[in-house]
Amino acid sequence: MEKLKKTVILVALENIIWPILIVVYVVFIFLKPGAMLSQDMVINIVYAAIPLGFIVLAEALVLLNGNFDLSVGQTAGLAAAVGAVVATKGLVPPILTPLVPIGVGVLCGSLNGFLVGRMGLNAFLATLGTFLAFDGVQLLVRHTVIFEFPPFYTTLGGYYPVSIATFVLVLFILHFVLYKTKFGYHYLAVGSTPRAAGMLGLSIPRFYFYSFVFSGALSGAAGLFWTGYTGAYGPLLAEGTVFMAFAAAVLGGISLKGGRGKILNVFGGMILLGTISSGLTVLAISPYVRRTLFGSLVVVAIIIDSLKTRVRESIMRET
């Protein structure tokens, strides 16, 4: 009976993002019913959260593989900078321009993957270094705002039906690959128990490399969608998003110990951040208060993950 109780608690903690999201939304409805209940507001919450959502997915994939990527925001910024310059100067055919930021993201992710997977560097320290490096390169590429883009370049992020549909498609593809394929099983096994996975013949460095490449590609997509959503590129694009992405992923049930979590629940974490951001904007809350609240979210995410780990270990001891 005690084991059943703990199992129920564990399942509740792993899916806690949905009741939290409902409670937060109801609170904002109570505070500002006219604004928060409108259909336009609901659509805007989801649409505005899409660029950050790609960064959340990027962080989630690295966490699932047992690592951490501090450079996701700077990768998005650098990818957006290069994409903006290439698109406005006509350096490639217009139809290929959306691939540029994604390609830049893949290159950034490959560098992280090489440092962590091949050279065996600590992921936190390695990506802290690339965080600073990518930030500097972004400013070297473009440190001023760009407003005018070819229409095709901003199509994905600039129209909410296309933006939302693309994100949902990517989300379900990732869900299928992670939980319905042999590759996904191995990917999660490396994140959960790398030593055992290595003894079974899986290449740990290779999977670490893959995780950072995937993270880079999604971060590059975030840069593309952010440019489309805002209709402009600025040097502060995606600045400070890494810890928000971390909070959304962990609140969505991704374990800090790797190998566990539902990628679909990460969508809930993304929408939670979008709801809080939109609600605070409607209430005209000070930016300083916003920073405090989002910082508190990171702490809450870590506490919830710690509780899940303790309950899971308690269940394992009883079996």
Foldseek 3Di string as FASTA:
>chain_A
DVLVVLVVVLVCLLLVLVVVLVVLLVVLCVVPVVQSVDPVNLLCLLLVLLLLLLLLLLQLLLLQLAAGAPQLLLLLLLLLLVLQVCQVVVVDPNLCSLVRLLVSLLVLLLQLLCVCLVVVDHSVVSNVVVNVVSLVVSVVSPAAKDQDGDVSLLVCQQDSVNVNVVSVVVLVVVQCPLPPDPNNLLSLCNLQPVVVSVVVPDRSSVSSSVSSSSSSSSSSNSSSNQCSHVSMRHSCGSPPSRLLSVLLSLSLNRASSHSDHRSVSSSSSSSSVSSVVSSCVVVVPDPVVVVVVSVVSSVVSVVSNVVSVVSVVVSVVVD
